Amino acid sequence: MLIVRGIDMKRPRKIKDYCPSCDTHTNMDLSRGKNRPGSELRKGQRRFRRVTSGYGGFPWSKPSGAGKPVKRVYLKYTCSECGKTWQKKCIRSRKLEFTE
């Protein structure tokens, strides 16, 4: 997998990659996935809820300035043989384009 940080990425729509379900290399359809919503049961979220609850203001100030120049991009892989779909690790990119 090509990991390039901070620049525009061009990826093919179809690639050949390993499918753990088929246990072979098959043709994959790539699409842009969405990051899952954060769980309320995670340690950081529990800490955040505890600190912000009750009387008092927000525990820390908001960061000033613009947002990050690059966003996390999640790629969704779909196997053409078995039809299983999964997301791999995210990459950081300004813009993601799929080429045919």
PDB file of N, CA and C in Angstrom:
ATOM      1  N   MET A   1       0.844  -1.177   0.000  1.00  0.00           N
ATOM      2  CA  MET A   1       0.000   0.000   0.000  1.00  0.00           C
ATOM      3  C   MET A   1       0.888   1.238   0.000  1.00  0.00           C
ATOM      4  N   LEU A   2       0.544   2.168  -0.844  1.00  0.00           N
ATOM      5  CA  LEU A   2       1.309   3.399  -0.980  1.00  0.00           C
ATOM      6  C   LEU A   2       0.888   4.377   0.108  1.00  0.00           C
ATOM      7  N   ILE A   3       1.838   4.787   0.926  1.00  0.00           N
ATOM      8  CA  ILE A   3       1.549   5.750   1.992  1.00  0.00           C
ATOM      9  C   ILE A   3       2.352   7.005   1.708  1.00  0.00           C
ATOM     10  N   VAL A   4       1.661   8.063   1.350  1.00  0.00           N
ATOM     11  CA  VAL A   4       2.283   9.351   1.095  1.00  0.00           C
ATOM     12  C   VAL A   4       1.559  10.364   1.958  1.00  0.00           C
ATOM     13  N   ARG A   5       2.277  11.148   2.705  1.00  0.00           N
ATOM     14  CA  ARG A   5       1.640  12.072   3.627  1.00  0.00           C
ATOM     15  C   ARG A   5       1.662  13.494   3.070  1.00  0.00           C
ATOM     16  N   GLY A   6       0.521  14.144   3.164  1.00  0.00           N
ATOM     17  CA  GLY A   6       0.469  15.562   2.894  1.00  0.00           C
ATOM     18  C   GLY A   6       0.338  15.964   1.449  1.00  0.00           C
ATOM     19  N   ILE A   7       0.089  15.039   0.530  1.00  0.00           N
ATOM     20  CA  ILE A   7      -0.077  15.426  -0.861  1.00  0.00           C
ATOM     21  C   ILE A   7      -1.335  14.771  -1.403  1.00  0.00           C
ATOM     22  N   ASP A   8      -1.699  15.164  -2.616  1.00  0.00           N
ATOM     23  CA  ASP A   8      -2.857  14.559  -3.255  1.00  0.00           C
ATOM     24  C   ASP A   8      -2.502  13.140  -3.674  1.00  0.00           C
ATOM     25  N   MET A   9      -3.464  12.241  -3.549  1.00  0.00           N
ATOM     26  CA  MET A   9      -3.220  10.849  -3.900  1.00  0.00           C
ATOM     27  C   MET A   9      -4.133  10.420  -5.030  1.00  0.00           C
ATOM     28  N   LYS A  10      -3.586   9.656  -5.955  1.00  0.00           N
ATOM     29  CA  LYS A  10      -4.365   9.049  -7.017  1.00  0.00           C
ATOM     30  C   LYS A  10      -4.234   7.545  -6.867  1.00  0.00           C
ATOM     31  N   ARG A  11      -5.360   6.866  -6.708  1.00  0.00           N
ATOM     32  CA  ARG A  11      -5.368   5.425  -6.538  1.00  0.00           C
ATOM     33  C   ARG A  11      -6.225   4.809  -7.625  1.00  0.00           C
ATOM     34  N   PRO A  12      -5.875   3.620  -8.126  1.00  0.00           N
ATOM     35  CA  PRO A  12      -6.741   2.947  -9.091  1.00  0.00           C
ATOM     36  C   PRO A  12      -8.003   2.439  -8.406  1.00  0.00           C
ATOM     37  N   ARG A  13      -9.075   2.350  -9.161  1.00  0.00           N
ATOM     38  CA  ARG A  13     -10.357   1.883  -8.617  1.00  0.00           C
ATOM     39  C   ARG A  13     -10.317   0.378  -8.340  1.00  0.00           C
ATOM     40  N   LYS A  14      -9.581  -0.367  -9.157  1.00  0.00           N
ATOM     41  CA  LYS A  14      -9.461  -1.815  -8.980  1.00  0.00           C
ATOM     42  C   LYS A  14      -7.990  -2.183  -8.829  1.00  0.00           C
ATOM     43  N   ILE A  15      -7.672  -2.979  -7.822  1.00  0.00           N
ATOM     44  CA  ILE A  15      -6.309  -3.445  -7.603  1.00  0.00           C
ATOM     45  C   ILE A  15      -6.348  -4.932  -7.288  1.00  0.00           C
ATOM     46  N   LYS A  16      -5.177  -5.555  -7.316  1.00  0.00           N
ATOM     47  CA  LYS A  16      -5.063  -6.942  -6.900  1.00  0.00           C
ATOM     48  C   LYS A  16      -4.381  -6.953  -5.549  1.00  0.00           C
ATOM     49  N   ASP A  17      -5.051  -7.543  -4.552  1.00  0.00           N
ATOM     50  CA  ASP A  17      -4.538  -7.528  -3.191  1.00  0.00           C
ATOM     51  C   ASP A  17      -4.943  -8.820  -2.493  1.00  0.00           C
ATOM     52  N   TYR A  18      -4.396  -9.036  -1.313  1.00  0.00           N
ATOM     53  CA  TYR A  18      -4.666 -10.252  -0.551  1.00  0.00           C
ATOM     54  C   TYR A  18      -6.018 -10.165   0.139  1.00  0.00           C
ATOM     55  N   CYS A  19      -6.819 -11.215  -0.014  1.00  0.00           N
ATOM     56  CA  CYS A  19      -8.116 -11.312   0.667  1.00  0.00           C
ATOM     57  C   CYS A  19      -7.976 -12.336   1.786  1.00  0.00           C
ATOM     58  N   PRO A  20      -8.128 -11.936   3.048  1.00  0.00           N
ATOM     59  CA  PRO A  20      -7.988 -12.899   4.139  1.00  0.00           C
ATOM     60  C   PRO A  20      -9.112 -13.925   4.175  1.00  0.00           C
ATOM     61  N   SER A  21     -10.258 -13.600   3.605  1.00  0.00           N
ATOM     62  CA  SER A  21     -11.369 -14.540   3.592  1.00  0.00           C
ATOM     63  C   SER A  21     -11.139 -15.652   2.570  1.00  0.00           C
ATOM     64  N   CYS A  22     -10.674 -15.275   1.365  1.00  0.00           N
ATOM     65  CA  CYS A  22     -10.381 -16.263   0.314  1.00  0.00           C
ATOM     66  C   CYS A  22      -9.012 -16.900   0.496  1.00  0.00           C
ATOM     67  N   ASP A  23      -8.132 -16.270   1.258  1.00  0.00           N
ATOM     68  CA  ASP A  23      -6.762 -16.707   1.496  1.00  0.00           C
ATOM     69  C   ASP A  23      -5.937 -16.731   0.207  1.00  0.00           C
ATOM     70  N   THR A  24      -6.289 -15.872  -0.751  1.00  0.00           N
ATOM     71  CA  THR A  24      -5.526 -15.736  -1.992  1.00  0.00           C
ATOM     72  C   THR A  24      -5.514 -14.269  -2.399  1.00  0.00           C
ATOM     73  N   HIS A  25      -4.730 -13.959  -3.412  1.00  0.00           N
ATOM     74  CA  HIS A  25      -4.764 -12.620  -3.986  1.00  0.00           C
ATOM     75  C   HIS A  25      -5.888 -12.555  -5.013  1.00  0.00           C
ATOM     76  N   THR A  26      -6.779 -11.597  -4.855  1.00  0.00           N
ATOM     77  CA  THR A  26      -7.912 -11.436  -5.760  1.00  0.00           C
ATOM     78  C   THR A  26      -8.014  -9.976  -6.180  1.00  0.00           C
ATOM     79  N   ASN A  27      -8.899  -9.713  -7.115  1.00  0.00           N
ATOM     80  CA  ASN A  27      -9.152  -8.342  -7.542  1.00  0.00           C
ATOM     81  C   ASN A  27     -10.036  -7.661  -6.512  1.00  0.00           C
ATOM     82  N   MET A  28      -9.645  -6.443  -6.159  1.00  0.00           N
ATOM     83  CA  MET A  28     -10.371  -5.678  -5.142  1.00  0.00           C
ATOM     84  C   MET A  28     -10.939  -4.417  -5.761  1.00  0.00           C
ATOM     85  N   ASP A  29     -12.115  -4.029  -5.295  1.00  0.00           N
ATOM     86  CA  ASP A  29     -12.707  -2.750  -5.646  1.00  0.00           C
ATOM     87  C   ASP A  29     -12.446  -1.793  -4.496  1.00  0.00           C
ATOM     88  N   LEU A  30     -11.820  -0.659  -4.790  1.00  0.00           N
ATOM     89  CA  LEU A  30     -11.529   0.327  -3.766  1.00  0.00           C
ATOM     90  C   LEU A  30     -12.600   1.399  -3.757  1.00  0.00           C
ATOM     91  N   SER A  31     -12.984   1.832  -2.587  1.00  0.00           N
ATOM     92  CA  SER A  31     -13.895   2.960  -2.436  1.00  0.00           C
ATOM     93  C   SER A  31     -13.496   3.703  -1.178  1.00  0.00           C
ATOM     94  N   ARG A  32     -14.043   4.871  -1.030  1.00  0.00           N
ATOM     95  CA  ARG A  32     -13.713   5.694   0.131  1.00  0.00           C
ATOM     96  C   ARG A  32     -14.642   5.318   1.273  1.00  0.00           C
ATOM     97  N   GLY A  33     -14.063   4.924   2.382  1.00  0.00           N
ATOM     98  CA  GLY A  33     -14.848   4.543   3.542  1.00  0.00           C
ATOM     99  C   GLY A  33     -15.033   5.712   4.480  1.00  0.00           C
ATOM    100  N   LYS A  34     -15.886   5.525   5.447  1.00  0.00           N
ATOM    101  CA  LYS A  34     -16.112   6.545   6.456  1.00  0.00           C
ATOM    102  C   LYS A  34     -15.554   6.044   7.772  1.00  0.00           C
ATOM    103  N   ASN A  35     -14.965   6.956   8.531  1.00  0.00           N
ATOM    104  CA  ASN A  35     -14.466   6.530   9.830  1.00  0.00           C
ATOM    105  C   ASN A  35     -15.650   6.291  10.754  1.00  0.00           C
ATOM    106  N   ARG A  36     -15.496   5.287  11.586  1.00  0.00           N
ATOM    107  CA  ARG A  36     -16.581   4.895  12.470  1.00  0.00           C
ATOM    108  C   ARG A  36     -16.761   5.932  13.576  1.00  0.00           C
ATOM    109  N   PRO A  37     -17.966   6.062  14.097  1.00  0.00           N
ATOM    110  CA  PRO A  37     -18.150   7.003  15.209  1.00  0.00           C
ATOM    111  C   PRO A  37     -17.417   6.503  16.449  1.00  0.00           C
ATOM    112  N   GLY A  38     -16.905   7.437  17.221  1.00  0.00           N
ATOM    113  CA  GLY A  38     -16.165   7.082  18.417  1.00  0.00           C
ATOM    114  C   GLY A  38     -17.065   6.443  19.456  1.00  0.00           C
ATOM    115  N   SER A  39     -16.538   5.460  20.154  1.00  0.00           N
ATOM    116  CA  SER A  39     -17.310   4.744  21.156  1.00  0.00           C
ATOM    117  C   SER A  39     -17.381   5.566  22.445  1.00  0.00           C
ATOM    118  N   GLU A  40     -18.522   5.532  23.074  1.00  0.00           N
ATOM    119  CA  GLU A  40     -18.690   6.238  24.353  1.00  0.00           C
ATOM    120  C   GLU A  40     -18.017   5.487  25.496  1.00  0.00           C
ATOM    121  N   LEU A  41     -17.628   4.239  25.266  1.00  0.00           N
ATOM    122  CA  LEU A  41     -17.039   3.433  26.335  1.00  0.00           C
ATOM    123  C   LEU A  41     -15.521   3.503  26.362  1.00  0.00           C
ATOM    124  N   ARG A  42     -14.905   4.219  25.439  1.00  0.00           N
ATOM    125  CA  ARG A  42     -13.450   4.315  25.423  1.00  0.00           C
ATOM    126  C   ARG A  42     -12.955   5.176  26.571  1.00  0.00           C
ATOM    127  N   LYS A  43     -11.707   4.917  26.959  1.00  0.00           N
ATOM    128  CA  LYS A  43     -11.140   5.585  28.128  1.00  0.00           C
ATOM    129  C   LYS A  43     -11.096   7.099  27.961  1.00  0.00           C
ATOM    130  N   GLY A  44     -10.660   7.570  26.798  1.00  0.00           N
ATOM    131  CA  GLY A  44     -10.575   9.010  26.582  1.00  0.00           C
ATOM    132  C   GLY A  44     -11.931   9.680  26.603  1.00  0.00           C
ATOM    133  N   GLN A  45     -12.937   9.014  26.049  1.00  0.00           N
ATOM    134  CA  GLN A  45     -14.278   9.590  26.037  1.00  0.00           C
ATOM    135  C   GLN A  45     -14.877   9.602  27.442  1.00  0.00           C
ATOM    136  N   ARG A  46     -14.612   8.566  28.229  1.00  0.00           N
ATOM    137  CA  ARG A  46     -15.093   8.538  29.613  1.00  0.00           C
ATOM    138  C   ARG A  46     -14.446   9.647  30.419  1.00  0.00           C
ATOM    139  N   ARG A  47     -13.148   9.870  30.209  1.00  0.00           N
ATOM    140  CA  ARG A  47     -12.443  10.937  30.908  1.00  0.00           C
ATOM    141  C   ARG A  47     -13.015  12.290  30.502  1.00  0.00           C
ATOM    142  N   PHE A  48     -13.271  12.472  29.209  1.00  0.00           N
ATOM    143  CA  PHE A  48     -13.818  13.724  28.704  1.00  0.00           C
ATOM    144  C   PHE A  48     -15.190  14.008  29.322  1.00  0.00           C
ATOM    145  N   ARG A  49     -16.038  12.998  29.371  1.00  0.00           N
ATOM    146  CA  ARG A  49     -17.375  13.173  29.970  1.00  0.00           C
ATOM    147  C   ARG A  49     -17.282  13.492  31.460  1.00  0.00           C
ATOM    148  N   ARG A  50     -16.345  12.842  32.147  1.00  0.00           N
ATOM    149  CA  ARG A  50     -16.200  13.085  33.585  1.00  0.00           C
ATOM    150  C   ARG A  50     -15.725  14.506  33.848  1.00  0.00           C
ATOM    151  N   VAL A  51     -14.760  14.973  33.068  1.00  0.00           N
ATOM    152  CA  VAL A  51     -14.173  16.292  33.294  1.00  0.00           C
ATOM    153  C   VAL A  51     -15.157  17.391  32.929  1.00  0.00           C
ATOM    154  N   THR A  52     -15.931  17.207  31.859  1.00  0.00           N
ATOM    155  CA  THR A  52     -16.833  18.262  31.405  1.00  0.00           C
ATOM    156  C   THR A  52     -18.180  18.242  32.112  1.00  0.00           C
ATOM    157  N   SER A  53     -18.456  17.225  32.916  1.00  0.00           N
ATOM    158  CA  SER A  53     -19.746  17.174  33.596  1.00  0.00           C
ATOM    159  C   SER A  53     -19.716  18.068  34.834  1.00  0.00           C
ATOM    160  N   GLY A  54     -20.883  18.442  35.301  1.00  0.00           N
ATOM    161  CA  GLY A  54     -20.983  19.211  36.533  1.00  0.00           C
ATOM    162  C   GLY A  54     -20.783  20.698  36.319  1.00  0.00           C
ATOM    163  N   TYR A  55     -20.545  21.397  37.417  1.00  0.00           N
ATOM    164  CA  TYR A  55     -20.404  22.836  37.389  1.00  0.00           C
ATOM    165  C   TYR A  55     -19.012  23.217  36.912  1.00  0.00           C
ATOM    166  N   GLY A  56     -18.914  24.263  36.096  1.00  0.00           N
ATOM    167  CA  GLY A  56     -17.617  24.732  35.636  1.00  0.00           C
ATOM    168  C   GLY A  56     -17.564  24.789  34.129  1.00  0.00           C
ATOM    169  N   GLY A  57     -16.532  25.400  33.647  1.00  0.00           N
ATOM    170  CA  GLY A  57     -16.401  25.568  32.214  1.00  0.00           C
ATOM    171  C   GLY A  57     -15.692  24.399  31.561  1.00  0.00           C
ATOM    172  N   PHE A  58     -15.412  24.580  30.310  1.00  0.00           N
ATOM    173  CA  PHE A  58     -14.698  23.558  29.557  1.00  0.00           C
ATOM    174  C   PHE A  58     -13.278  23.456  30.111  1.00  0.00           C
ATOM    175  N   PRO A  59     -12.708  22.265  30.234  1.00  0.00           N
ATOM    176  CA  PRO A  59     -11.429  22.135  30.938  1.00  0.00           C
ATOM    177  C   PRO A  59     -10.224  22.689  30.201  1.00  0.00           C
ATOM    178  N   TRP A  60     -10.305  22.871  28.892  1.00  0.00           N
ATOM    179  CA  TRP A  60      -9.168  23.432  28.177  1.00  0.00           C
ATOM    180  C   TRP A  60      -9.667  24.347  27.074  1.00  0.00           C
ATOM    181  N   SER A  61      -8.809  25.254  26.640  1.00  0.00           N
ATOM    182  CA  SER A  61      -9.225  26.219  25.640  1.00  0.00           C
ATOM    183  C   SER A  61      -9.212  25.582  24.257  1.00  0.00           C
ATOM    184  N   LYS A  62     -10.003  26.153  23.355  1.00  0.00           N
ATOM    185  CA  LYS A  62     -10.044  25.653  21.990  1.00  0.00           C
ATOM    186  C   LYS A  62      -8.757  26.063  21.270  1.00  0.00           C
ATOM    187  N   PRO A  63      -8.221  25.198  20.409  1.00  0.00           N
ATOM    188  CA  PRO A  63      -7.015  25.583  19.675  1.00  0.00           C
ATOM    189  C   PRO A  63      -7.337  26.663  18.650  1.00  0.00           C
ATOM    190  N   SER A  64      -6.437  27.622  18.530  1.00  0.00           N
ATOM    191  CA  SER A  64      -6.668  28.706  17.584  1.00  0.00           C
ATOM    192  C   SER A  64      -6.009  28.366  16.255  1.00  0.00           C
ATOM    193  N   GLY A  65      -6.436  29.015  15.211  1.00  0.00           N
ATOM    194  CA  GLY A  65      -5.837  28.790  13.901  1.00  0.00           C
ATOM    195  C   GLY A  65      -6.690  27.870  13.043  1.00  0.00           C
ATOM    196  N   ALA A  66      -6.189  27.597  11.866  1.00  0.00           N
ATOM    197  CA  ALA A  66      -6.919  26.768  10.917  1.00  0.00           C
ATOM    198  C   ALA A  66      -6.815  25.299  11.304  1.00  0.00           C
ATOM    199  N   GLY A  67      -7.604  24.475  10.633  1.00  0.00           N
ATOM    200  CA  GLY A  67      -7.581  23.039  10.888  1.00  0.00           C
ATOM    201  C   GLY A  67      -6.374  22.393  10.242  1.00  0.00           C
ATOM    202  N   LYS A  68      -6.331  21.100  10.328  1.00  0.00           N
ATOM    203  CA  LYS A  68      -5.208  20.363   9.750  1.00  0.00           C
ATOM    204  C   LYS A  68      -5.260  20.452   8.232  1.00  0.00           C
ATOM    205  N   PRO A  69      -4.093  20.539   7.583  1.00  0.00           N
ATOM    206  CA  PRO A  69      -4.091  20.605   6.123  1.00  0.00           C
ATOM    207  C   PRO A  69      -4.416  19.269   5.474  1.00  0.00           C
ATOM    208  N   VAL A  70      -4.220  18.174   6.199  1.00  0.00           N
ATOM    209  CA  VAL A  70      -4.514  16.857   5.645  1.00  0.00           C
ATOM    210  C   VAL A  70      -5.517  16.153   6.549  1.00  0.00           C
ATOM    211  N   LYS A  71      -6.355  15.351   5.955  1.00  0.00           N
ATOM    212  CA  LYS A  71      -7.365  14.612   6.703  1.00  0.00           C
ATOM    213  C   LYS A  71      -7.073  13.128   6.589  1.00  0.00           C
ATOM    214  N   ARG A  72      -7.625  12.356   7.498  1.00  0.00           N
ATOM    215  CA  ARG A  72      -7.493  10.905   7.422  1.00  0.00           C
ATOM    216  C   ARG A  72      -8.429  10.378   6.354  1.00  0.00           C
ATOM    217  N   VAL A  73      -7.903   9.510   5.519  1.00  0.00           N
ATOM    218  CA  VAL A  73      -8.682   8.911   4.447  1.00  0.00           C
ATOM    219  C   VAL A  73      -8.743   7.414   4.702  1.00  0.00           C
ATOM    220  N   TYR A  74      -9.945   6.867   4.760  1.00  0.00           N
ATOM    221  CA  TYR A  74     -10.133   5.439   4.956  1.00  0.00           C
ATOM    222  C   TYR A  74     -10.475   4.801   3.621  1.00  0.00           C
ATOM    223  N   LEU A  75      -9.784   3.718   3.278  1.00  0.00           N
ATOM    224  CA  LEU A  75     -10.033   3.007   2.030  1.00  0.00           C
ATOM    225  C   LEU A  75     -10.804   1.732   2.339  1.00  0.00           C
ATOM    226  N   LYS A  76     -11.899   1.524   1.627  1.00  0.00           N
ATOM    227  CA  LYS A  76     -12.718   0.343   1.803  1.00  0.00           C
ATOM    228  C   LYS A  76     -12.405  -0.628   0.675  1.00  0.00           C
ATOM    229  N   TYR A  77     -12.014  -1.844   1.028  1.00  0.00           N
ATOM    230  CA  TYR A  77     -11.657  -2.876   0.068  1.00  0.00           C
ATOM    231  C   TYR A  77     -12.795  -3.888  -0.028  1.00  0.00           C
ATOM    232  N   THR A  78     -13.229  -4.205  -1.256  1.00  0.00           N
ATOM    233  CA  THR A  78     -14.273  -5.198  -1.483  1.00  0.00           C
ATOM    234  C   THR A  78     -13.722  -6.270  -2.404  1.00  0.00           C
ATOM    235  N   CYS A  79     -13.755  -7.509  -1.959  1.00  0.00           N
ATOM    236  CA  CYS A  79     -13.256  -8.624  -2.752  1.00  0.00           C
ATOM    237  C   CYS A  79     -14.268  -8.949  -3.841  1.00  0.00           C
ATOM    238  N   SER A  80     -13.775  -9.145  -5.073  1.00  0.00           N
ATOM    239  CA  SER A  80     -14.686  -9.457  -6.175  1.00  0.00           C
ATOM    240  C   SER A  80     -15.095 -10.931  -6.178  1.00  0.00           C
ATOM    241  N   GLU A  81     -14.343 -11.783  -5.475  1.00  0.00           N
ATOM    242  CA  GLU A  81     -14.667 -13.217  -5.439  1.00  0.00           C
ATOM    243  C   GLU A  81     -15.736 -13.515  -4.380  1.00  0.00           C
ATOM    244  N   CYS A  82     -15.452 -13.158  -3.137  1.00  0.00           N
ATOM    245  CA  CYS A  82     -16.376 -13.520  -2.051  1.00  0.00           C
ATOM    246  C   CYS A  82     -17.299 -12.379  -1.646  1.00  0.00           C
ATOM    247  N   GLY A  83     -16.987 -11.151  -2.039  1.00  0.00           N
ATOM    248  CA  GLY A  83     -17.852 -10.024  -1.724  1.00  0.00           C
ATOM    249  C   GLY A  83     -17.645  -9.434  -0.339  1.00  0.00           C
ATOM    250  N   LYS A  84     -16.658  -9.921   0.413  1.00  0.00           N
ATOM    251  CA  LYS A  84     -16.403  -9.383   1.748  1.00  0.00           C
ATOM    252  C   LYS A  84     -15.793  -7.994   1.632  1.00  0.00           C
ATOM    253  N   THR A  85     -16.116  -7.144   2.599  1.00  0.00           N
ATOM    254  CA  THR A  85     -15.632  -5.771   2.602  1.00  0.00           C
ATOM    255  C   THR A  85     -14.980  -5.477   3.943  1.00  0.00           C
ATOM    256  N   TRP A  86     -13.868  -4.742   3.918  1.00  0.00           N
ATOM    257  CA  TRP A  86     -13.216  -4.315   5.149  1.00  0.00           C
ATOM    258  C   TRP A  86     -12.432  -3.042   4.888  1.00  0.00           C
ATOM    259  N   GLN A  87     -12.093  -2.369   5.950  1.00  0.00           N
ATOM    260  CA  GLN A  87     -11.296  -1.153   5.864  1.00  0.00           C
ATOM    261  C   GLN A  87      -9.911  -1.435   6.397  1.00  0.00           C
ATOM    262  N   LYS A  88      -8.911  -0.937   5.691  1.00  0.00           N
ATOM    263  CA  LYS A  88      -7.547  -1.058   6.180  1.00  0.00           C
ATOM    264  C   LYS A  88      -7.204   0.202   6.958  1.00  0.00           C
ATOM    265  N   LYS A  89      -5.961   0.277   7.416  1.00  0.00           N
ATOM    266  CA  LYS A  89      -5.504   1.428   8.171  1.00  0.00           C
ATOM    267  C   LYS A  89      -5.671   2.701   7.357  1.00  0.00           C
ATOM    268  N   CYS A  90      -5.924   3.786   8.049  1.00  0.00           N
ATOM    269  CA  CYS A  90      -6.143   5.047   7.348  1.00  0.00           C
ATOM    270  C   CYS A  90      -4.808   5.653   6.919  1.00  0.00           C
ATOM    271  N   ILE A  91      -4.900   6.528   5.927  1.00  0.00           N
ATOM    272  CA  ILE A  91      -3.744   7.277   5.456  1.00  0.00           C
ATOM    273  C   ILE A  91      -4.111   8.749   5.507  1.00  0.00           C
ATOM    274  N   ARG A  92      -3.114   9.604   5.527  1.00  0.00           N
ATOM    275  CA  ARG A  92      -3.381  11.036   5.556  1.00  0.00           C
ATOM    276  C   ARG A  92      -3.130  11.616   4.179  1.00  0.00           C
ATOM    277  N   SER A  93      -4.091  12.391   3.697  1.00  0.00           N
ATOM    278  CA  SER A  93      -3.961  12.964   2.374  1.00  0.00           C
ATOM    279  C   SER A  93      -4.848  14.199   2.295  1.00  0.00           C
ATOM    280  N   ARG A  94      -4.437  15.148   1.454  1.00  0.00           N
ATOM    281  CA  ARG A  94      -5.277  16.326   1.224  1.00  0.00           C
ATOM    282  C   ARG A  94      -6.487  15.964   0.382  1.00  0.00           C
ATOM    283  N   LYS A  95      -6.224  15.203  -0.679  1.00  0.00           N
ATOM    284  CA  LYS A  95      -7.304  14.862  -1.597  1.00  0.00           C
ATOM    285  C   LYS A  95      -7.058  13.461  -2.137  1.00  0.00           C
ATOM    286  N   LEU A  96      -8.116  12.681  -2.300  1.00  0.00           N
ATOM    287  CA  LEU A  96      -8.018  11.334  -2.819  1.00  0.00           C
ATOM    288  C   LEU A  96      -8.806  11.240  -4.115  1.00  0.00           C
ATOM    289  N   GLU A  97      -8.152  10.772  -5.167  1.00  0.00           N
ATOM    290  CA  GLU A  97      -8.807  10.587  -6.453  1.00  0.00           C
ATOM    291  C   GLU A  97      -8.674   9.142  -6.868  1.00  0.00           C
ATOM    292  N   PHE A  98      -9.750   8.595  -7.441  1.00  0.00           N
ATOM    293  CA  PHE A  98      -9.712   7.255  -7.983  1.00  0.00           C
ATOM    294  C   PHE A  98      -9.600   7.350  -9.490  1.00  0.00           C
ATOM    295  N   THR A  99      -8.641   6.601 -10.066  1.00  0.00           N
ATOM    296  CA  THR A  99      -8.476   6.567 -11.508  1.00  0.00           C
ATOM    297  C   THR A  99      -9.009   5.232 -12.013  1.00  0.00           C
ATOM    298  N   GLU A 100      -9.424   5.202 -13.237  1.00  0.00           N
ATOM    299  CA  GLU A 100      -9.982   3.967 -13.817  1.00  0.00           C
ATOM    300  C   GLU A 100      -8.922   3.112 -14.420  1.00  0.00           C
TER     301      GLU A 100
END
